[in-house]
Amino acid sequence: MKRWGNMARVFTRLGKEITIAAKAGGPDPSTNPRLRLLIQNAKVENMPKDNIDRAVKRATEKDQKDYKEVVYEGYAPHGIAVVVETATDNPTRTVANIRSYFNKYNGSLGTSGMCDYLFERKCSFKVEKKEGVDIEELELELIDFGVEEIFAEEDYIMIYAEFTNFGPIQRYLEDNGFHILTFLFERIPNEIKDVTEEQQAEIEKLLEKIEEDEDVTNVFHNMKSN
């Protein structure tokens, strides 16, 4: 049951992100790069095609609720910074819920920007390996597009860059026949904080509660996992 619950949350989150992208850049994936990437992410998560189509269609419906992307920042117990990304049609409800989770689990919801400086915003691409591609040559090509890190695993390549450079990198990969498996915007902590196992367990209760909220799309923190 827990697995089904997790899957439902993933589909809800992806559906909102797809609707927001379709509303911002149009419902045609061929002319909307961000929508194209999100649809690919949804396919990797085995989201049914009907769900994807409905999420795109919602963007053009007149009576559709308008989702806004809102970021909340605060501290979990033991000084761990937490950044919460949401997609919500009711920010008043969402902020009340997020604040209640922080309060219940001995954290504190703060003001916008208070934790932002502790994280670097990056985009990452997971790309299927292509025969005959030299990883060092690819890295040299992609440096011009703002890529900061690239490394190869057995059957895929990971690429990291400043989040603002995702458009040119995506265009390069698609134009050169690379298959993008998944794409993410991430907030990577500048420093990670050590905690004891007991402290980690306490902090994870808060993080899990936040992640369960259907308005939440992503949760980032600077805790080192034991």
Foldseek 3Di string as FASTA:
>chain_A
DVVVLVLVLQLLLLLLVLLLQCLVQNLDCVRRVVNVQSVLVCVLSVNDPVSSVVSSVLNPDPPRQQWDWDKWWWAAPPGKTKIFIFTDSDVVVLVVQLQVLQVVLVIGTDDPPPCLVQWAKKKKWKWFDDPPDDQVVVVVVCVVLAWDDWDDDDTIIMTMGRHVSPVVVSVVCVVVPIHTNHMDIDIHGPAADEDDPVVVVSRVSSVVSSSSDSRTNDMDIRYDDD
